[in-house]
Amino acid sequence: MNDEIFKITKNDVRANALVEMAKERFEDINKESKTYRIVEEYYEVIKELISALMYLNGFKTLSHKMLVIYLERNYKEFNKSEIILINELRKLRNNILYYGQKVEKEFLLNNKKELNLIIKKLFFLLK
């Protein structure tokens, strides 16, 4: 597939553990008040769910960028604007974590509905 995405033995246990963790994070998002933390949590939920899909399909990557590419290449349920938003979220989370970038509340106001839809699609695919 790609040097950064490699074949592994399918791992249902690990996939299920990631799904459970993602469910907990997703349920707790509304308890958070700081915008940057909400953005980080949205990203973590999506990252864990894509990783779970990969484990179920027998793939793994160490690259967050390749997680998004894997989803784009293998799950046509996600349109281009959703993939772009996931990638934007990935970059934003990286900038928050490593550079202390501030996140405007408008980002969440403009994207919360679509982020929730993406997460619901991912949960549906993992049923």
Protein backbone atom coordinates (compact mmCIF):
# COMPACT_ATOMS: atom_id res chain seq x y z
CA MET A 1 0.00 0.00 0.00
CA ASN A 2 2.64 2.50 1.11
CA ASP A 3 5.87 2.36 3.08
CA GLU A 4 4.23 4.33 5.87
CA ILE A 5 1.15 2.07 5.97
CA PHE A 6 2.11 -1.51 6.63
CA LYS A 7 0.29 -4.82 6.81
CA ILE A 8 -0.18 -6.40 10.22
CA THR A 9 -2.28 -9.18 11.67
CA LYS A 10 -5.85 -8.00 12.20
CA ASN A 11 -6.37 -7.00 15.80
CA ASP A 12 -10.02 -6.88 16.88
CA VAL A 13 -9.12 -6.48 20.56
CA ARG A 14 -7.05 -3.36 19.96
CA ALA A 15 -9.66 -1.97 17.55
CA ASN A 16 -12.43 -2.46 20.12
CA ALA A 17 -10.34 -0.84 22.85
CA LEU A 18 -9.79 2.21 20.63
CA VAL A 19 -13.50 2.42 19.84
CA GLU A 20 -14.37 2.34 23.54
CA MET A 21 -11.82 5.04 24.30
CA ALA A 22 -13.16 7.16 21.44
CA LYS A 23 -16.73 6.75 22.78
CA GLU A 24 -15.65 8.01 26.18
CA ARG A 25 -13.80 10.98 24.70
CA PHE A 26 -16.73 11.83 22.42
CA GLU A 27 -19.18 11.75 25.33
CA ASP A 28 -16.91 14.03 27.36
CA ILE A 29 -16.33 16.68 24.67
CA ASN A 30 -19.32 18.73 25.81
CA LYS A 31 -17.90 18.90 29.35
CA GLU A 32 -14.84 20.80 28.10
CA SER A 33 -14.93 24.59 27.89
CA LYS A 34 -11.53 25.47 26.41
CA THR A 35 -11.65 25.67 22.63
CA TYR A 36 -8.18 24.24 22.06
CA ARG A 37 -8.97 21.22 24.24
CA ILE A 38 -12.22 20.58 22.40
CA VAL A 39 -10.32 20.67 19.10
CA GLU A 40 -7.72 18.26 20.50
CA GLU A 41 -10.43 15.89 21.69
CA TYR A 42 -12.25 15.92 18.34
CA TYR A 43 -8.99 15.04 16.67
CA GLU A 44 -8.19 12.28 19.17
CA VAL A 45 -11.62 10.71 18.66
CA ILE A 46 -11.23 10.72 14.88
CA LYS A 47 -7.65 9.46 15.09
CA GLU A 48 -8.63 6.58 17.37
CA LEU A 49 -11.55 5.58 15.14
CA ILE A 50 -9.46 5.59 11.95
CA SER A 51 -6.79 3.59 13.78
CA ALA A 52 -9.48 1.10 14.84
CA LEU A 53 -10.57 0.71 11.20
CA MET A 54 -6.99 0.06 10.23
CA TYR A 55 -6.52 -2.59 12.93
CA LEU A 56 -9.72 -4.33 11.80
CA ASN A 57 -8.41 -4.34 8.23
CA GLY A 58 -4.93 -5.49 9.18
CA PHE A 59 -3.05 -2.24 8.67
CA LYS A 60 -1.06 0.17 10.82
CA THR A 61 0.73 3.47 10.45
CA LEU A 62 2.79 5.62 12.77
CA SER A 63 1.96 8.74 10.75
CA HIS A 64 -1.07 10.88 11.55
CA LYS A 65 -1.00 12.18 7.99
CA MET A 66 -1.19 8.64 6.64
CA LEU A 67 -4.26 7.95 8.80
CA VAL A 68 -6.10 10.62 6.84
CA ILE A 69 -4.75 9.32 3.53
CA TYR A 70 -5.80 5.77 4.44
CA LEU A 71 -9.34 6.94 5.16
CA GLU A 72 -9.50 8.92 1.93
CA ARG A 73 -8.24 6.02 -0.19
CA ASN A 74 -10.31 3.27 1.39
CA TYR A 75 -13.60 4.80 2.54
CA LYS A 76 -15.56 6.59 -0.14
CA GLU A 77 -18.24 7.35 2.45
CA PHE A 78 -16.20 10.46 3.19
CA ASN A 79 -16.33 13.28 0.69
CA LYS A 80 -13.47 15.60 -0.18
CA SER A 81 -14.60 18.38 2.17
CA GLU A 82 -14.71 15.93 5.10
CA ILE A 83 -11.21 14.68 4.33
CA ILE A 84 -9.97 18.27 4.08
CA LEU A 85 -11.57 19.09 7.45
CA ILE A 86 -9.98 16.05 9.11
CA ASN A 87 -6.61 17.05 7.71
CA GLU A 88 -7.13 20.66 8.83
CA LEU A 89 -8.01 19.36 12.30
CA ARG A 90 -4.84 17.24 12.29
CA LYS A 91 -2.69 20.26 11.45
CA LEU A 92 -4.47 22.46 13.97
CA ARG A 93 -4.03 19.90 16.75
CA ASN A 94 -0.34 19.61 15.84
CA ASN A 95 0.08 23.39 16.02
CA ILE A 96 -1.74 23.53 19.36
CA LEU A 97 0.37 20.76 20.83
CA TYR A 98 3.78 21.80 19.55
CA TYR A 99 3.53 25.56 19.00
CA GLY A 100 0.85 26.72 21.42
CA GLN A 101 -1.35 28.02 18.60
CA LYS A 102 -4.61 29.57 19.76
CA VAL A 103 -7.88 28.37 18.27
CA GLU A 104 -10.71 30.75 17.61
CA LYS A 105 -14.18 29.71 18.76
CA GLU A 106 -15.36 30.35 15.22
CA PHE A 107 -13.52 27.23 14.07
CA LEU A 108 -15.76 25.11 16.26
CA LEU A 109 -18.88 27.13 15.47
CA ASN A 110 -18.22 26.63 11.75
CA ASN A 111 -17.19 22.97 11.89
CA LYS A 112 -18.79 21.28 14.91
CA LYS A 113 -21.75 19.88 12.97
CA GLU A 114 -19.53 18.37 10.28
CA LEU A 115 -17.04 16.99 12.85
CA ASN A 116 -19.90 15.26 14.66
CA LEU A 117 -21.13 13.83 11.36
CA ILE A 118 -17.65 12.49 10.52
CA ILE A 119 -17.41 10.85 13.93
CA LYS A 120 -20.86 9.29 13.61
CA LYS A 121 -19.91 7.88 10.19
CA LEU A 122 -16.77 6.38 11.66
CA PHE A 123 -18.68 4.79 14.55
CA PHE A 124 -21.19 3.39 12.04
CA LEU A 125 -18.40 1.82 9.96
CA LEU A 126 -17.02 0.20 13.12
CA LYS A 127 -20.27 -1.51 14.15
